[in-house]
Amino acid sequence: MSSRLIIALDFASAELALNFTQQLAPQDAKLKVGFELFVAAGPDFVRKLVDQGFEVFLDLKFHDIPNTVAAACQSAAKLGVWMLNVHALGGDKMMLAARESIAGLVKPPKLIAVTVLTSMDQAQLAKLNISQAPFEQVSHLAALTQACGLDGVVCSAQEAQQLKQQCGGEFLLVTPGIRPLGSQSDDQTRILTPLAARQLGVDYVVVGRPITQSKTPLAVIKAINQDLAE
């Protein structure tokens, strides 16, 4: 069975990231490449990971006019990535354009949308003049995402159970802010353990520093995979 763990490669260079990934096998976990690493290492680094057999989640959260996002999704898909994402706040026209841009590919990547960042809480939403509670905003954006035909959303594990009921079992939930027991919360505010996240219906969990900064990353990966398989 394919791992439900996605490791966030939050490294400043391709060299540092490859020093870490060389100890991994593709069946251990999927890999997430975000802004910092993509800007530093570029698309060739992503191709290298794909060529090594890793399933790559390209986490660039595209948010622009529909034509620009559609073209960006096409370019990302050509890298052979397993998953990519857009911002749901870009609206339905943008998300529809993104979906249509990759729909004709032989093996299109999964396309998901970001709802409310897991680093944001009620007070921060209020500063953006969003009066809804975090879950209400997430629920609204998830419904819009599903109506546009995307595969799922990024959400907090605390919203997973209700989103599964709202959107159904086939709608993917990808959750950052996951911390194994004993880990620091870092800059995340809405967090849960891998086991708790899986029990709430999360399909894929994203874990970064508790693995990449661990002295025994393979042991942490093994423990998380065991939790997610229960």
C-alpha atoms as a PDB file:
ATOM      1  CA  MET A   1       0.000   0.000   0.000  1.00  0.00           C
ATOM      2  CA  SER A   2       1.284   3.457  -0.923  1.00  0.00           C
ATOM      3  CA  SER A   3       2.287   5.608   2.029  1.00  0.00           C
ATOM      4  CA  ARG A   4      -0.126   8.291   3.221  1.00  0.00           C
ATOM      5  CA  LEU A   5       2.836  10.314   4.497  1.00  0.00           C
ATOM      6  CA  ILE A   6       4.094  13.356   2.588  1.00  0.00           C
ATOM      7  CA  ILE A   7       7.442  14.698   3.772  1.00  0.00           C
ATOM      8  CA  ALA A   8       7.864  18.458   3.383  1.00  0.00           C
ATOM      9  CA  LEU A   9      11.341  19.073   1.992  1.00  0.00           C
ATOM     10  CA  ASP A  10      11.845  22.436   3.675  1.00  0.00           C
ATOM     11  CA  PHE A  11      15.467  22.852   2.665  1.00  0.00           C
ATOM     12  CA  ALA A  12      17.293  25.879   1.286  1.00  0.00           C
ATOM     13  CA  SER A  13      19.072  24.056  -1.544  1.00  0.00           C
ATOM     14  CA  ALA A  14      18.900  20.995  -3.779  1.00  0.00           C
ATOM     15  CA  GLU A  15      22.100  19.681  -2.210  1.00  0.00           C
ATOM     16  CA  LEU A  16      20.653  19.697   1.302  1.00  0.00           C
ATOM     17  CA  ALA A  17      17.415  18.136   0.113  1.00  0.00           C
ATOM     18  CA  LEU A  18      19.181  15.377  -1.831  1.00  0.00           C
ATOM     19  CA  ASN A  19      21.417  14.626   1.146  1.00  0.00           C
ATOM     20  CA  PHE A  20      18.221  13.914   3.025  1.00  0.00           C
ATOM     21  CA  THR A  21      16.293  12.032   0.334  1.00  0.00           C
ATOM     22  CA  GLN A  22      19.153   9.683  -0.531  1.00  0.00           C
ATOM     23  CA  GLN A  23      18.354   7.717   2.622  1.00  0.00           C
ATOM     24  CA  LEU A  24      14.723   7.247   1.558  1.00  0.00           C
ATOM     25  CA  ALA A  25      12.957   4.810  -0.737  1.00  0.00           C
ATOM     26  CA  PRO A  26       9.885   5.877  -2.756  1.00  0.00           C
ATOM     27  CA  GLN A  27       7.649   3.533  -0.758  1.00  0.00           C
ATOM     28  CA  ASP A  28       8.639   5.272   2.494  1.00  0.00           C
ATOM     29  CA  ALA A  29       6.787   8.478   1.719  1.00  0.00           C
ATOM     30  CA  LYS A  30       5.779  10.997  -0.887  1.00  0.00           C
ATOM     31  CA  LEU A  31       7.734  14.269  -1.073  1.00  0.00           C
ATOM     32  CA  LYS A  32       6.527  17.867  -1.006  1.00  0.00           C
ATOM     33  CA  VAL A  33       8.453  20.609  -2.762  1.00  0.00           C
ATOM     34  CA  GLY A  34       7.352  24.085  -1.723  1.00  0.00           C
ATOM     35  CA  PHE A  35       8.313  27.673  -2.510  1.00  0.00           C
ATOM     36  CA  GLU A  36      11.693  27.819  -0.804  1.00  0.00           C
ATOM     37  CA  LEU A  37      13.140  24.723  -2.400  1.00  0.00           C
ATOM     38  CA  PHE A  38      11.547  25.230  -5.816  1.00  0.00           C
ATOM     39  CA  VAL A  39      12.929  28.760  -6.095  1.00  0.00           C
ATOM     40  CA  ALA A  40      16.369  27.573  -4.982  1.00  0.00           C
ATOM     41  CA  ALA A  41      16.563  24.346  -6.971  1.00  0.00           C
ATOM     42  CA  GLY A  42      14.200  24.813  -9.912  1.00  0.00           C
ATOM     43  CA  PRO A  43      12.181  22.387 -12.028  1.00  0.00           C
ATOM     44  CA  ASP A  44      15.169  20.150 -12.792  1.00  0.00           C
ATOM     45  CA  PHE A  45      15.290  19.176  -9.132  1.00  0.00           C
ATOM     46  CA  VAL A  46      11.646  18.140  -9.254  1.00  0.00           C
ATOM     47  CA  ARG A  47      12.335  16.055 -12.369  1.00  0.00           C
ATOM     48  CA  LYS A  48      15.209  14.372 -10.575  1.00  0.00           C
ATOM     49  CA  LEU A  49      12.974  13.297  -7.701  1.00  0.00           C
ATOM     50  CA  VAL A  50      10.367  12.007 -10.148  1.00  0.00           C
ATOM     51  CA  ASP A  51      13.035  10.105 -12.096  1.00  0.00           C
ATOM     52  CA  GLN A  52      14.107   8.470  -8.821  1.00  0.00           C
ATOM     53  CA  GLY A  53      10.590   7.093  -8.447  1.00  0.00           C
ATOM     54  CA  PHE A  54       9.233   9.505  -5.833  1.00  0.00           C
ATOM     55  CA  GLU A  55       5.683  10.814  -5.980  1.00  0.00           C
ATOM     56  CA  VAL A  56       6.040  14.576  -5.700  1.00  0.00           C
ATOM     57  CA  PHE A  57       3.504  17.081  -4.398  1.00  0.00           C
ATOM     58  CA  LEU A  58       4.416  20.446  -5.937  1.00  0.00           C
ATOM     59  CA  ASP A  59       3.114  22.881  -3.333  1.00  0.00           C
ATOM     60  CA  LEU A  60       3.204  26.273  -5.087  1.00  0.00           C
ATOM     61  CA  LYS A  61      -0.398  27.340  -4.330  1.00  0.00           C
ATOM     62  CA  PHE A  62      -1.049  29.001  -7.679  1.00  0.00           C
ATOM     63  CA  HIS A  63      -3.267  32.086  -7.332  1.00  0.00           C
ATOM     64  CA  ASP A  64      -3.568  34.384 -10.341  1.00  0.00           C
ATOM     65  CA  ILE A  65      -5.832  35.080 -13.295  1.00  0.00           C
ATOM     66  CA  PRO A  66      -7.297  31.896 -14.843  1.00  0.00           C
ATOM     67  CA  ASN A  67      -5.093  31.809 -17.963  1.00  0.00           C
ATOM     68  CA  THR A  68      -1.909  32.224 -15.959  1.00  0.00           C
ATOM     69  CA  VAL A  69      -2.839  29.518 -13.467  1.00  0.00           C
ATOM     70  CA  ALA A  70      -3.904  27.150 -16.251  1.00  0.00           C
ATOM     71  CA  ALA A  71      -0.531  27.567 -17.979  1.00  0.00           C
ATOM     72  CA  ALA A  72       1.335  27.099 -14.700  1.00  0.00           C
ATOM     73  CA  CYS A  73      -0.569  23.865 -13.986  1.00  0.00           C
ATOM     74  CA  GLN A  74       0.294  22.549 -17.445  1.00  0.00           C
ATOM     75  CA  SER A  75       3.966  23.306 -16.886  1.00  0.00           C
ATOM     76  CA  ALA A  76       3.891  21.621 -13.488  1.00  0.00           C
ATOM     77  CA  ALA A  77       2.165  18.541 -14.903  1.00  0.00           C
ATOM     78  CA  LYS A  78       4.907  18.179 -17.520  1.00  0.00           C
ATOM     79  CA  LEU A  79       7.378  17.694 -14.669  1.00  0.00           C
ATOM     80  CA  GLY A  80       5.615  14.433 -13.844  1.00  0.00           C
ATOM     81  CA  VAL A  81       4.411  15.485 -10.405  1.00  0.00           C
ATOM     82  CA  TRP A  82       1.859  13.396  -8.537  1.00  0.00           C
ATOM     83  CA  MET A  83      -0.060  16.348  -7.083  1.00  0.00           C
ATOM     84  CA  LEU A  84      -0.202  20.143  -7.341  1.00  0.00           C
ATOM     85  CA  ASN A  85      -2.345  22.833  -5.796  1.00  0.00           C
ATOM     86  CA  VAL A  86      -4.025  26.185  -6.270  1.00  0.00           C
ATOM     87  CA  HIS A  87      -5.626  28.677  -3.866  1.00  0.00           C
ATOM     88  CA  ALA A  88      -9.391  28.253  -3.606  1.00  0.00           C
ATOM     89  CA  LEU A  89      -9.653  32.003  -3.000  1.00  0.00           C
ATOM     90  CA  GLY A  90      -8.710  32.399  -6.662  1.00  0.00           C
ATOM     91  CA  GLY A  91     -12.349  31.585  -7.401  1.00  0.00           C
ATOM     92  CA  ASP A  92     -14.293  29.155  -9.520  1.00  0.00           C
ATOM     93  CA  LYS A  93     -13.157  30.451 -12.921  1.00  0.00           C
ATOM     94  CA  MET A  94      -9.528  30.038 -11.921  1.00  0.00           C
ATOM     95  CA  MET A  95     -10.041  26.550 -10.505  1.00  0.00           C
ATOM     96  CA  LEU A  96     -12.045  25.425 -13.537  1.00  0.00           C
ATOM     97  CA  ALA A  97      -9.293  26.688 -15.837  1.00  0.00           C
ATOM     98  CA  ALA A  98      -6.684  24.841 -13.800  1.00  0.00           C
ATOM     99  CA  ARG A  99      -8.645  21.592 -13.952  1.00  0.00           C
ATOM    100  CA  GLU A 100      -9.328  21.859 -17.671  1.00  0.00           C
ATOM    101  CA  SER A 101      -5.680  22.600 -18.445  1.00  0.00           C
ATOM    102  CA  ILE A 102      -4.572  19.155 -17.252  1.00  0.00           C
ATOM    103  CA  ALA A 103      -7.714  17.105 -17.911  1.00  0.00           C
ATOM    104  CA  GLY A 104      -6.553  15.866 -21.307  1.00  0.00           C
ATOM    105  CA  LEU A 105      -3.219  14.480 -20.129  1.00  0.00           C
ATOM    106  CA  VAL A 106      -2.627  10.727 -20.191  1.00  0.00           C
ATOM    107  CA  LYS A 107      -1.839  10.755 -16.478  1.00  0.00           C
ATOM    108  CA  PRO A 108      -2.882  14.090 -15.002  1.00  0.00           C
ATOM    109  CA  PRO A 109      -1.651  14.960 -11.527  1.00  0.00           C
ATOM    110  CA  LYS A 110      -4.093  15.242  -8.687  1.00  0.00           C
ATOM    111  CA  LEU A 111      -5.251  18.832  -8.307  1.00  0.00           C
ATOM    112  CA  ILE A 112      -6.249  20.159  -4.899  1.00  0.00           C
ATOM    113  CA  ALA A 113      -6.971  23.589  -3.437  1.00  0.00           C
ATOM    114  CA  VAL A 114      -5.746  25.407  -0.352  1.00  0.00           C
ATOM    115  CA  THR A 115      -8.587  26.577   1.878  1.00  0.00           C
ATOM    116  CA  VAL A 116      -7.388  28.288   5.089  1.00  0.00           C
ATOM    117  CA  LEU A 117      -3.718  28.001   5.972  1.00  0.00           C
ATOM    118  CA  THR A 118      -3.139  25.943   9.116  1.00  0.00           C
ATOM    119  CA  SER A 119      -1.032  28.782  10.541  1.00  0.00           C
ATOM    120  CA  MET A 120      -4.116  31.029  10.642  1.00  0.00           C
ATOM    121  CA  ASP A 121      -6.634  31.302  13.450  1.00  0.00           C
ATOM    122  CA  GLN A 122      -9.812  33.329  14.073  1.00  0.00           C
ATOM    123  CA  ALA A 123      -7.933  36.477  15.052  1.00  0.00           C
ATOM    124  CA  GLN A 124      -5.865  36.456  11.864  1.00  0.00           C
ATOM    125  CA  LEU A 125      -8.923  35.876   9.682  1.00  0.00           C
ATOM    126  CA  ALA A 126     -10.609  38.831  11.366  1.00  0.00           C
ATOM    127  CA  LYS A 127      -7.690  41.060  10.368  1.00  0.00           C
ATOM    128  CA  LEU A 128      -8.457  40.099   6.763  1.00  0.00           C
ATOM    129  CA  ASN A 129     -12.089  41.170   7.295  1.00  0.00           C
ATOM    130  CA  ILE A 130     -13.246  37.539   7.230  1.00  0.00           C
ATOM    131  CA  SER A 131     -15.796  37.223  10.002  1.00  0.00           C
ATOM    132  CA  GLN A 132     -16.411  33.497   9.571  1.00  0.00           C
ATOM    133  CA  ALA A 133     -14.813  31.018  11.923  1.00  0.00           C
ATOM    134  CA  PRO A 134     -11.963  29.034  10.319  1.00  0.00           C
ATOM    135  CA  PHE A 135     -14.099  25.927   9.756  1.00  0.00           C
ATOM    136  CA  GLU A 136     -16.949  27.902   8.189  1.00  0.00           C
ATOM    137  CA  GLN A 137     -14.520  29.442   5.716  1.00  0.00           C
ATOM    138  CA  VAL A 138     -12.889  26.071   5.039  1.00  0.00           C
ATOM    139  CA  SER A 139     -16.274  24.430   4.496  1.00  0.00           C
ATOM    140  CA  HIS A 140     -17.354  27.115   2.050  1.00  0.00           C
ATOM    141  CA  LEU A 141     -14.126  26.912   0.043  1.00  0.00           C
ATOM    142  CA  ALA A 142     -14.148  23.103   0.058  1.00  0.00           C
ATOM    143  CA  ALA A 143     -17.667  23.093  -1.409  1.00  0.00           C
ATOM    144  CA  LEU A 144     -16.552  25.519  -4.124  1.00  0.00           C
ATOM    145  CA  THR A 145     -13.500  23.380  -4.854  1.00  0.00           C
ATOM    146  CA  GLN A 146     -15.578  20.220  -5.184  1.00  0.00           C
ATOM    147  CA  ALA A 147     -18.080  21.977  -7.446  1.00  0.00           C
ATOM    148  CA  CYS A 148     -15.177  22.863  -9.755  1.00  0.00           C
ATOM    149  CA  GLY A 149     -14.210  19.199 -10.058  1.00  0.00           C
ATOM    150  CA  LEU A 150     -10.916  19.278  -8.186  1.00  0.00           C
ATOM    151  CA  ASP A 151      -9.684  16.203  -6.315  1.00  0.00           C
ATOM    152  CA  GLY A 152      -9.619  17.630  -2.797  1.00  0.00           C
ATOM    153  CA  VAL A 153      -8.362  20.314  -0.465  1.00  0.00           C
ATOM    154  CA  VAL A 154      -5.620  21.149   1.964  1.00  0.00           C
ATOM    155  CA  CYS A 155      -7.175  21.536   5.400  1.00  0.00           C
ATOM    156  CA  SER A 156      -6.520  21.237   9.105  1.00  0.00           C
ATOM    157  CA  ALA A 157      -7.058  17.790  10.612  1.00  0.00           C
ATOM    158  CA  GLN A 158      -9.528  19.384  13.005  1.00  0.00           C
ATOM    159  CA  GLU A 159     -11.842  20.047  10.046  1.00  0.00           C
ATOM    160  CA  ALA A 160     -11.394  16.630   8.426  1.00  0.00           C
ATOM    161  CA  GLN A 161     -14.285  14.705   9.947  1.00  0.00           C
ATOM    162  CA  GLN A 162     -16.887  17.280   9.015  1.00  0.00           C
ATOM    163  CA  LEU A 163     -15.398  17.777   5.550  1.00  0.00           C
ATOM    164  CA  LYS A 164     -15.555  14.027   4.883  1.00  0.00           C
ATOM    165  CA  GLN A 165     -19.230  14.081   5.796  1.00  0.00           C
ATOM    166  CA  GLN A 166     -19.811  17.158   3.663  1.00  0.00           C
ATOM    167  CA  CYS A 167     -17.810  16.188   0.578  1.00  0.00           C
ATOM    168  CA  GLY A 168     -17.744  12.374   0.649  1.00  0.00           C
ATOM    169  CA  GLY A 169     -15.059   9.741   0.935  1.00  0.00           C
ATOM    170  CA  GLU A 170     -13.549  10.217  -2.528  1.00  0.00           C
ATOM    171  CA  PHE A 171     -12.742  13.889  -1.915  1.00  0.00           C
ATOM    172  CA  LEU A 172      -9.112  13.991  -0.775  1.00  0.00           C
ATOM    173  CA  LEU A 173      -8.062  15.729   2.432  1.00  0.00           C
ATOM    174  CA  VAL A 174      -4.388  16.672   2.675  1.00  0.00           C
ATOM    175  CA  THR A 175      -3.325  17.973   6.052  1.00  0.00           C
ATOM    176  CA  PRO A 176      -0.219  19.875   7.143  1.00  0.00           C
ATOM    177  CA  GLY A 177       0.371  20.850  10.746  1.00  0.00           C
ATOM    178  CA  ILE A 178       0.803  17.208  11.749  1.00  0.00           C
ATOM    179  CA  ARG A 179       3.116  16.644  14.673  1.00  0.00           C
ATOM    180  CA  PRO A 180       4.045  13.272  16.244  1.00  0.00           C
ATOM    181  CA  LEU A 181       3.713  13.112  20.011  1.00  0.00           C
ATOM    182  CA  GLY A 182       6.477  15.082  21.708  1.00  0.00           C
ATOM    183  CA  SER A 183       7.218  17.331  18.722  1.00  0.00           C
ATOM    184  CA  GLN A 184       7.275  21.113  18.838  1.00  0.00           C
ATOM    185  CA  SER A 185       4.352  22.912  17.190  1.00  0.00           C
ATOM    186  CA  ASP A 186       6.715  25.379  15.405  1.00  0.00           C
ATOM    187  CA  ASP A 187       4.571  27.946  13.478  1.00  0.00           C
ATOM    188  CA  GLN A 188       1.446  25.808  13.217  1.00  0.00           C
ATOM    189  CA  THR A 189      -1.581  26.611  15.380  1.00  0.00           C
ATOM    190  CA  ARG A 190      -4.145  23.937  14.421  1.00  0.00           C
ATOM    191  CA  ILE A 191      -2.271  20.642  14.813  1.00  0.00           C
ATOM    192  CA  LEU A 192      -2.927  16.956  15.538  1.00  0.00           C
ATOM    193  CA  THR A 193      -0.932  13.729  15.703  1.00  0.00           C
ATOM    194  CA  PRO A 194      -0.765  11.425  12.623  1.00  0.00           C
ATOM    195  CA  LEU A 195      -2.947   8.776  14.265  1.00  0.00           C
ATOM    196  CA  ALA A 196      -5.594  11.286  15.305  1.00  0.00           C
ATOM    197  CA  ALA A 197      -5.583  12.808  11.821  1.00  0.00           C
ATOM    198  CA  ARG A 198      -6.088   9.427  10.160  1.00  0.00           C
ATOM    199  CA  GLN A 199      -8.905   8.539  12.538  1.00  0.00           C
ATOM    200  CA  LEU A 200     -10.661  11.769  11.548  1.00  0.00           C
ATOM    201  CA  GLY A 201     -10.547  10.873   7.851  1.00  0.00           C
ATOM    202  CA  VAL A 202      -7.409  12.598   6.583  1.00  0.00           C
ATOM    203  CA  ASP A 203      -6.112  10.915   3.422  1.00  0.00           C
ATOM    204  CA  TYR A 204      -2.547  12.301   3.396  1.00  0.00           C
ATOM    205  CA  VAL A 205      -0.576  13.963   6.180  1.00  0.00           C
ATOM    206  CA  VAL A 206       2.253  16.425   5.610  1.00  0.00           C
ATOM    207  CA  VAL A 207       5.135  16.325   8.089  1.00  0.00           C
ATOM    208  CA  GLY A 208       8.298  18.395   7.788  1.00  0.00           C
ATOM    209  CA  ARG A 209      10.647  19.368  10.574  1.00  0.00           C
ATOM    210  CA  PRO A 210       9.803  16.524  12.986  1.00  0.00           C
ATOM    211  CA  ILE A 211      11.267  14.250  10.293  1.00  0.00           C
ATOM    212  CA  THR A 212      13.817  16.366   8.433  1.00  0.00           C
ATOM    213  CA  GLN A 213      15.399  17.733  11.615  1.00  0.00           C
ATOM    214  CA  SER A 214      15.312  14.436  13.486  1.00  0.00           C
ATOM    215  CA  LYS A 215      18.516  12.563  14.321  1.00  0.00           C
ATOM    216  CA  THR A 216      16.657   9.356  13.403  1.00  0.00           C
ATOM    217  CA  PRO A 217      14.377  10.311  10.502  1.00  0.00           C
ATOM    218  CA  LEU A 218      13.809   6.739   9.294  1.00  0.00           C
ATOM    219  CA  ALA A 219      12.547   5.724  12.720  1.00  0.00           C
ATOM    220  CA  VAL A 220      10.138   8.683  12.768  1.00  0.00           C
ATOM    221  CA  ILE A 221       8.920   7.815   9.265  1.00  0.00           C
ATOM    222  CA  LYS A 222       8.358   4.196  10.250  1.00  0.00           C
ATOM    223  CA  ALA A 223       6.389   5.189  13.347  1.00  0.00           C
ATOM    224  CA  ILE A 224       4.199   7.615  11.385  1.00  0.00           C
ATOM    225  CA  ASN A 225       3.517   5.048   8.662  1.00  0.00           C
ATOM    226  CA  GLN A 226       2.484   2.553  11.305  1.00  0.00           C
ATOM    227  CA  ASP A 227       0.071   5.081  12.811  1.00  0.00           C
ATOM    228  CA  LEU A 228      -1.398   5.890   9.407  1.00  0.00           C
ATOM    229  CA  ALA A 229      -1.887   2.227   8.549  1.00  0.00           C
ATOM    230  CA  GLU A 230      -4.024   1.526  11.635  1.00  0.00           C
END
